[in-house]
Amino acid sequence: MLTSLLRALLPPLIRLTARALSTGAPTLPPTARDVFGADLTAEQATTYNRSRVATATAVALYRSGQQLDQLSDDELDTAVRALKFPYSRPSDETRAAIRAALGVLEADPTIAVI
């Protein structure tokens, strides 16, 4: 209830425009190798790429009105697959990253979908 009141009282500082996704996958940031070059370790590349997919998935879920406490592992897997990111496979780590990003979006009363 307090969160609802805070959202109502505080004007949004960050505005996310809610609109239907165009056909195909949303644009993702460049891959880890494109950004950091060939000196990146496999673990660093995996972490970066997992984070970019998880963040994009969390934003899409937030824009569609999904709430963290209502999403099962299967629903998160379906969301990742529905966005059709190349080479993306849902994993425990990806689901945890999606939940973390979605939790941040939900917890911040200054973020609103308009």
N, C-alpha and C. Protein backbone atom coordinates (compact mmCIF):
# COMPACT_ATOMS: atom_id res chain seq x y z
N MET A 1 0.82 -1.18 0.00
CA MET A 1 0.00 0.00 0.00
C MET A 1 0.87 1.25 0.00
N LEU A 2 1.94 1.23 0.78
CA LEU A 2 2.83 2.37 0.84
C LEU A 2 3.45 2.65 -0.53
N THR A 3 3.80 1.58 -1.24
CA THR A 3 4.37 1.74 -2.58
C THR A 3 3.36 2.41 -3.50
N SER A 4 2.11 2.02 -3.43
CA SER A 4 1.06 2.63 -4.26
C SER A 4 0.92 4.10 -3.95
N LEU A 5 0.96 4.43 -2.67
CA LEU A 5 0.86 5.84 -2.29
C LEU A 5 2.05 6.65 -2.79
N LEU A 6 3.25 6.06 -2.64
CA LEU A 6 4.43 6.77 -3.12
C LEU A 6 4.38 7.00 -4.62
N ARG A 7 3.93 6.00 -5.36
CA ARG A 7 3.81 6.16 -6.81
C ARG A 7 2.82 7.25 -7.17
N ALA A 8 1.74 7.36 -6.39
CA ALA A 8 0.73 8.37 -6.66
C ALA A 8 1.21 9.76 -6.30
N LEU A 9 1.99 9.87 -5.23
CA LEU A 9 2.42 11.18 -4.75
C LEU A 9 3.66 11.72 -5.44
N LEU A 10 4.58 10.86 -5.81
CA LEU A 10 5.81 11.31 -6.43
C LEU A 10 5.67 11.33 -7.95
N PRO A 11 6.00 12.44 -8.56
CA PRO A 11 5.92 12.47 -10.03
C PRO A 11 7.01 11.60 -10.62
N PRO A 12 6.70 10.90 -11.71
CA PRO A 12 7.71 10.03 -12.32
C PRO A 12 8.87 10.85 -12.87
N LEU A 13 10.06 10.40 -12.60
CA LEU A 13 11.25 11.06 -13.12
C LEU A 13 11.76 10.36 -14.36
N ILE A 14 11.50 9.07 -14.44
CA ILE A 14 11.89 8.29 -15.61
C ILE A 14 10.61 7.82 -16.26
N ARG A 15 10.46 8.09 -17.52
CA ARG A 15 9.24 7.69 -18.21
C ARG A 15 9.57 6.62 -19.25
N LEU A 16 8.88 5.51 -19.17
CA LEU A 16 9.02 4.44 -20.15
C LEU A 16 7.76 4.47 -21.00
N THR A 17 7.91 4.71 -22.26
CA THR A 17 6.75 4.76 -23.13
C THR A 17 6.28 3.35 -23.41
N ALA A 18 5.04 3.07 -23.10
CA ALA A 18 4.48 1.74 -23.35
C ALA A 18 3.94 1.70 -24.76
N ARG A 19 4.45 0.81 -25.54
CA ARG A 19 3.97 0.64 -26.91
C ARG A 19 4.18 -0.81 -27.30
N ALA A 20 3.42 -1.21 -28.26
CA ALA A 20 3.56 -2.58 -28.74
C ALA A 20 4.93 -2.77 -29.37
N LEU A 21 5.52 -3.93 -29.12
CA LEU A 21 6.80 -4.22 -29.73
C LEU A 21 6.60 -4.45 -31.22
N SER A 22 7.52 -3.94 -32.02
CA SER A 22 7.43 -4.19 -33.45
C SER A 22 7.73 -5.66 -33.71
N THR A 23 7.47 -6.09 -34.92
CA THR A 23 7.70 -7.50 -35.22
C THR A 23 9.18 -7.83 -35.03
N GLY A 24 9.44 -9.03 -34.60
CA GLY A 24 10.80 -9.45 -34.36
C GLY A 24 11.27 -9.06 -32.96
N ALA A 25 12.52 -9.31 -32.71
CA ALA A 25 13.10 -9.05 -31.39
C ALA A 25 13.41 -7.57 -31.22
N PRO A 26 13.24 -7.06 -30.00
CA PRO A 26 13.66 -5.69 -29.73
C PRO A 26 15.17 -5.55 -29.95
N THR A 27 15.60 -4.37 -30.25
CA THR A 27 17.01 -4.14 -30.46
C THR A 27 17.76 -4.30 -29.14
N LEU A 28 18.80 -5.07 -29.18
CA LEU A 28 19.65 -5.27 -28.01
C LEU A 28 20.93 -4.46 -28.17
N PRO A 29 21.57 -4.16 -27.05
CA PRO A 29 22.90 -3.55 -27.15
C PRO A 29 23.84 -4.52 -27.87
N PRO A 30 24.96 -4.03 -28.34
CA PRO A 30 25.91 -4.93 -29.01
C PRO A 30 26.37 -6.05 -28.09
N THR A 31 26.85 -7.11 -28.68
CA THR A 31 27.34 -8.24 -27.88
C THR A 31 28.61 -7.84 -27.13
N ALA A 32 28.97 -8.67 -26.18
CA ALA A 32 30.16 -8.39 -25.37
C ALA A 32 31.42 -8.29 -26.23
N ARG A 33 31.56 -9.18 -27.18
CA ARG A 33 32.76 -9.15 -28.03
C ARG A 33 32.81 -7.88 -28.86
N ASP A 34 31.65 -7.38 -29.33
CA ASP A 34 31.62 -6.14 -30.10
C ASP A 34 32.04 -4.94 -29.25
N VAL A 35 31.66 -4.96 -27.98
CA VAL A 35 31.95 -3.83 -27.09
C VAL A 35 33.37 -3.89 -26.54
N PHE A 36 33.77 -5.07 -26.06
CA PHE A 36 35.02 -5.19 -25.34
C PHE A 36 36.16 -5.81 -26.14
N GLY A 37 35.86 -6.36 -27.29
CA GLY A 37 36.91 -6.95 -28.11
C GLY A 37 37.19 -8.39 -27.74
N ALA A 38 38.24 -8.90 -28.32
CA ALA A 38 38.58 -10.32 -28.16
C ALA A 38 39.27 -10.65 -26.84
N ASP A 39 39.67 -9.65 -26.07
CA ASP A 39 40.37 -9.90 -24.81
C ASP A 39 39.45 -10.32 -23.67
N LEU A 40 38.18 -10.38 -23.94
CA LEU A 40 37.20 -10.73 -22.94
C LEU A 40 37.23 -12.24 -22.66
N THR A 41 37.12 -12.61 -21.39
CA THR A 41 37.05 -14.03 -21.08
C THR A 41 35.65 -14.56 -21.41
N ALA A 42 35.54 -15.86 -21.52
CA ALA A 42 34.24 -16.48 -21.81
C ALA A 42 33.24 -16.17 -20.70
N GLU A 43 33.69 -16.19 -19.46
CA GLU A 43 32.81 -15.91 -18.33
C GLU A 43 32.30 -14.47 -18.36
N GLN A 44 33.18 -13.53 -18.68
CA GLN A 44 32.77 -12.12 -18.78
C GLN A 44 31.77 -11.93 -19.92
N ALA A 45 32.01 -12.55 -21.04
CA ALA A 45 31.11 -12.44 -22.19
C ALA A 45 29.74 -13.02 -21.86
N THR A 46 29.72 -14.17 -21.20
CA THR A 46 28.46 -14.81 -20.82
C THR A 46 27.68 -13.93 -19.86
N THR A 47 28.35 -13.37 -18.87
CA THR A 47 27.69 -12.51 -17.89
C THR A 47 27.12 -11.26 -18.55
N TYR A 48 27.88 -10.62 -19.41
CA TYR A 48 27.42 -9.42 -20.11
C TYR A 48 26.21 -9.75 -20.98
N ASN A 49 26.32 -10.79 -21.78
CA ASN A 49 25.23 -11.14 -22.70
C ASN A 49 23.97 -11.57 -21.94
N ARG A 50 24.14 -12.29 -20.84
CA ARG A 50 22.99 -12.69 -20.02
C ARG A 50 22.31 -11.44 -19.44
N SER A 51 23.09 -10.49 -18.98
CA SER A 51 22.53 -9.27 -18.39
C SER A 51 21.76 -8.44 -19.41
N ARG A 52 22.26 -8.34 -20.62
CA ARG A 52 21.55 -7.54 -21.61
C ARG A 52 20.24 -8.19 -22.01
N VAL A 53 20.19 -9.51 -22.11
CA VAL A 53 18.94 -10.21 -22.41
C VAL A 53 17.98 -10.09 -21.23
N ALA A 54 18.48 -10.26 -20.02
CA ALA A 54 17.63 -10.19 -18.83
C ALA A 54 17.04 -8.79 -18.66
N THR A 55 17.82 -7.77 -18.89
CA THR A 55 17.32 -6.41 -18.74
C THR A 55 16.25 -6.09 -19.78
N ALA A 56 16.49 -6.46 -21.02
CA ALA A 56 15.50 -6.23 -22.07
C ALA A 56 14.21 -7.01 -21.78
N THR A 57 14.34 -8.23 -21.28
CA THR A 57 13.17 -9.04 -20.94
C THR A 57 12.41 -8.41 -19.78
N ALA A 58 13.12 -7.95 -18.75
CA ALA A 58 12.47 -7.32 -17.60
C ALA A 58 11.72 -6.06 -18.01
N VAL A 59 12.30 -5.26 -18.87
CA VAL A 59 11.63 -4.04 -19.34
C VAL A 59 10.37 -4.40 -20.12
N ALA A 60 10.45 -5.41 -20.98
CA ALA A 60 9.27 -5.84 -21.74
C ALA A 60 8.17 -6.35 -20.79
N LEU A 61 8.54 -7.12 -19.77
CA LEU A 61 7.56 -7.60 -18.80
C LEU A 61 6.95 -6.44 -18.02
N TYR A 62 7.77 -5.49 -17.62
CA TYR A 62 7.29 -4.33 -16.86
C TYR A 62 6.33 -3.50 -17.70
N ARG A 63 6.68 -3.29 -18.96
CA ARG A 63 5.81 -2.53 -19.85
C ARG A 63 4.47 -3.22 -20.06
N SER A 64 4.46 -4.54 -20.01
CA SER A 64 3.22 -5.28 -20.23
C SER A 64 2.41 -5.46 -18.95
N GLY A 65 2.89 -4.91 -17.84
CA GLY A 65 2.13 -4.95 -16.59
C GLY A 65 2.35 -6.18 -15.74
N GLN A 66 3.32 -7.01 -16.08
CA GLN A 66 3.61 -8.20 -15.29
C GLN A 66 4.26 -7.79 -13.97
N GLN A 67 3.98 -8.57 -12.93
CA GLN A 67 4.56 -8.29 -11.62
C GLN A 67 5.44 -9.45 -11.18
N LEU A 68 6.51 -9.10 -10.50
CA LEU A 68 7.53 -10.06 -10.08
C LEU A 68 6.95 -11.23 -9.30
N ASP A 69 6.08 -10.94 -8.35
CA ASP A 69 5.56 -12.00 -7.48
C ASP A 69 4.58 -12.93 -8.18
N GLN A 70 4.21 -12.62 -9.42
CA GLN A 70 3.25 -13.45 -10.14
C GLN A 70 3.90 -14.28 -11.25
N LEU A 71 5.20 -14.20 -11.40
CA LEU A 71 5.87 -14.87 -12.52
C LEU A 71 6.58 -16.14 -12.07
N SER A 72 6.24 -17.24 -12.69
CA SER A 72 6.91 -18.51 -12.42
C SER A 72 8.14 -18.63 -13.32
N ASP A 73 8.95 -19.65 -13.05
CA ASP A 73 10.12 -19.91 -13.89
C ASP A 73 9.71 -20.16 -15.33
N ASP A 74 8.64 -20.92 -15.52
CA ASP A 74 8.17 -21.23 -16.88
C ASP A 74 7.74 -19.97 -17.62
N GLU A 75 7.10 -19.04 -16.92
CA GLU A 75 6.67 -17.79 -17.56
C GLU A 75 7.87 -16.93 -17.94
N LEU A 76 8.90 -16.92 -17.11
CA LEU A 76 10.12 -16.18 -17.45
C LEU A 76 10.80 -16.81 -18.66
N ASP A 77 10.85 -18.13 -18.69
CA ASP A 77 11.43 -18.83 -19.85
C ASP A 77 10.67 -18.50 -21.12
N THR A 78 9.35 -18.49 -21.03
CA THR A 78 8.51 -18.17 -22.17
C THR A 78 8.77 -16.74 -22.65
N ALA A 79 8.94 -15.81 -21.71
CA ALA A 79 9.20 -14.42 -22.06
C ALA A 79 10.53 -14.28 -22.81
N VAL A 80 11.55 -14.97 -22.35
CA VAL A 80 12.85 -14.91 -23.03
C VAL A 80 12.73 -15.48 -24.43
N ARG A 81 12.06 -16.62 -24.55
CA ARG A 81 11.90 -17.25 -25.87
C ARG A 81 11.04 -16.40 -26.81
N ALA A 82 10.02 -15.73 -26.26
CA ALA A 82 9.11 -14.93 -27.08
C ALA A 82 9.82 -13.74 -27.71
N LEU A 83 10.84 -13.22 -27.05
CA LEU A 83 11.57 -12.08 -27.60
C LEU A 83 12.55 -12.48 -28.69
N LYS A 84 12.80 -13.78 -28.82
CA LYS A 84 13.59 -14.35 -29.92
C LYS A 84 14.97 -13.70 -30.07
N PHE A 85 15.67 -13.55 -28.95
CA PHE A 85 17.04 -13.06 -29.00
C PHE A 85 17.93 -14.19 -29.51
N PRO A 86 18.83 -13.90 -30.41
CA PRO A 86 19.71 -14.95 -30.92
C PRO A 86 20.51 -15.61 -29.80
N TYR A 87 20.58 -16.91 -29.81
CA TYR A 87 21.39 -17.71 -28.89
C TYR A 87 20.96 -17.63 -27.43
N SER A 88 19.79 -17.07 -27.14
CA SER A 88 19.34 -16.95 -25.75
C SER A 88 18.66 -18.22 -25.30
N ARG A 89 19.16 -18.74 -24.20
CA ARG A 89 18.56 -19.91 -23.57
C ARG A 89 18.30 -19.56 -22.11
N PRO A 90 17.07 -19.69 -21.67
CA PRO A 90 16.79 -19.39 -20.26
C PRO A 90 17.60 -20.31 -19.33
N SER A 91 18.10 -19.74 -18.27
CA SER A 91 18.85 -20.52 -17.27
C SER A 91 18.50 -19.96 -15.90
N ASP A 92 18.96 -20.64 -14.86
CA ASP A 92 18.72 -20.14 -13.50
C ASP A 92 19.30 -18.74 -13.34
N GLU A 93 20.48 -18.52 -13.90
CA GLU A 93 21.13 -17.22 -13.79
C GLU A 93 20.36 -16.13 -14.54
N THR A 94 19.84 -16.47 -15.72
CA THR A 94 19.06 -15.50 -16.50
C THR A 94 17.77 -15.15 -15.77
N ARG A 95 17.09 -16.16 -15.23
CA ARG A 95 15.86 -15.90 -14.49
C ARG A 95 16.14 -15.02 -13.26
N ALA A 96 17.24 -15.27 -12.57
CA ALA A 96 17.60 -14.45 -11.41
C ALA A 96 17.87 -13.01 -11.84
N ALA A 97 18.56 -12.83 -12.96
CA ALA A 97 18.84 -11.48 -13.45
C ALA A 97 17.57 -10.76 -13.88
N ILE A 98 16.63 -11.49 -14.49
CA ILE A 98 15.34 -10.89 -14.88
C ILE A 98 14.59 -10.45 -13.62
N ARG A 99 14.55 -11.33 -12.62
CA ARG A 99 13.85 -10.98 -11.38
C ARG A 99 14.49 -9.77 -10.70
N ALA A 100 15.80 -9.69 -10.71
CA ALA A 100 16.48 -8.55 -10.09
C ALA A 100 16.13 -7.25 -10.82
N ALA A 101 16.20 -7.26 -12.15
CA ALA A 101 15.89 -6.06 -12.92
C ALA A 101 14.43 -5.66 -12.77
N LEU A 102 13.53 -6.64 -12.80
CA LEU A 102 12.11 -6.35 -12.64
C LEU A 102 11.82 -5.83 -11.23
N GLY A 103 12.51 -6.38 -10.24
CA GLY A 103 12.36 -5.90 -8.87
C GLY A 103 12.78 -4.45 -8.72
N VAL A 104 13.85 -4.05 -9.39
CA VAL A 104 14.30 -2.66 -9.35
C VAL A 104 13.25 -1.75 -9.98
N LEU A 105 12.72 -2.16 -11.14
CA LEU A 105 11.70 -1.36 -11.81
C LEU A 105 10.46 -1.19 -10.94
N GLU A 106 10.04 -2.26 -10.28
CA GLU A 106 8.85 -2.20 -9.43
C GLU A 106 9.08 -1.40 -8.16
N ALA A 107 10.28 -1.47 -7.60
CA ALA A 107 10.57 -0.83 -6.32
C ALA A 107 10.74 0.68 -6.42
N ASP A 108 11.12 1.17 -7.58
CA ASP A 108 11.40 2.60 -7.72
C ASP A 108 10.12 3.35 -8.07
N PRO A 109 9.61 4.16 -7.14
CA PRO A 109 8.35 4.87 -7.40
C PRO A 109 8.49 5.98 -8.45
N THR A 110 9.71 6.29 -8.86
CA THR A 110 9.89 7.35 -9.85
C THR A 110 9.86 6.84 -11.27
N ILE A 111 9.70 5.51 -11.45
CA ILE A 111 9.63 4.94 -12.79
C ILE A 111 8.16 4.63 -13.08
N ALA A 112 7.67 5.11 -14.20
CA ALA A 112 6.28 4.88 -14.56
C ALA A 112 6.17 4.53 -16.04
N VAL A 113 5.25 3.66 -16.35
CA VAL A 113 4.95 3.35 -17.74
C VAL A 113 3.82 4.25 -18.17
N ILE A 114 4.05 5.03 -19.21
CA ILE A 114 2.99 5.93 -19.68
C ILE A 114 2.58 5.59 -21.10
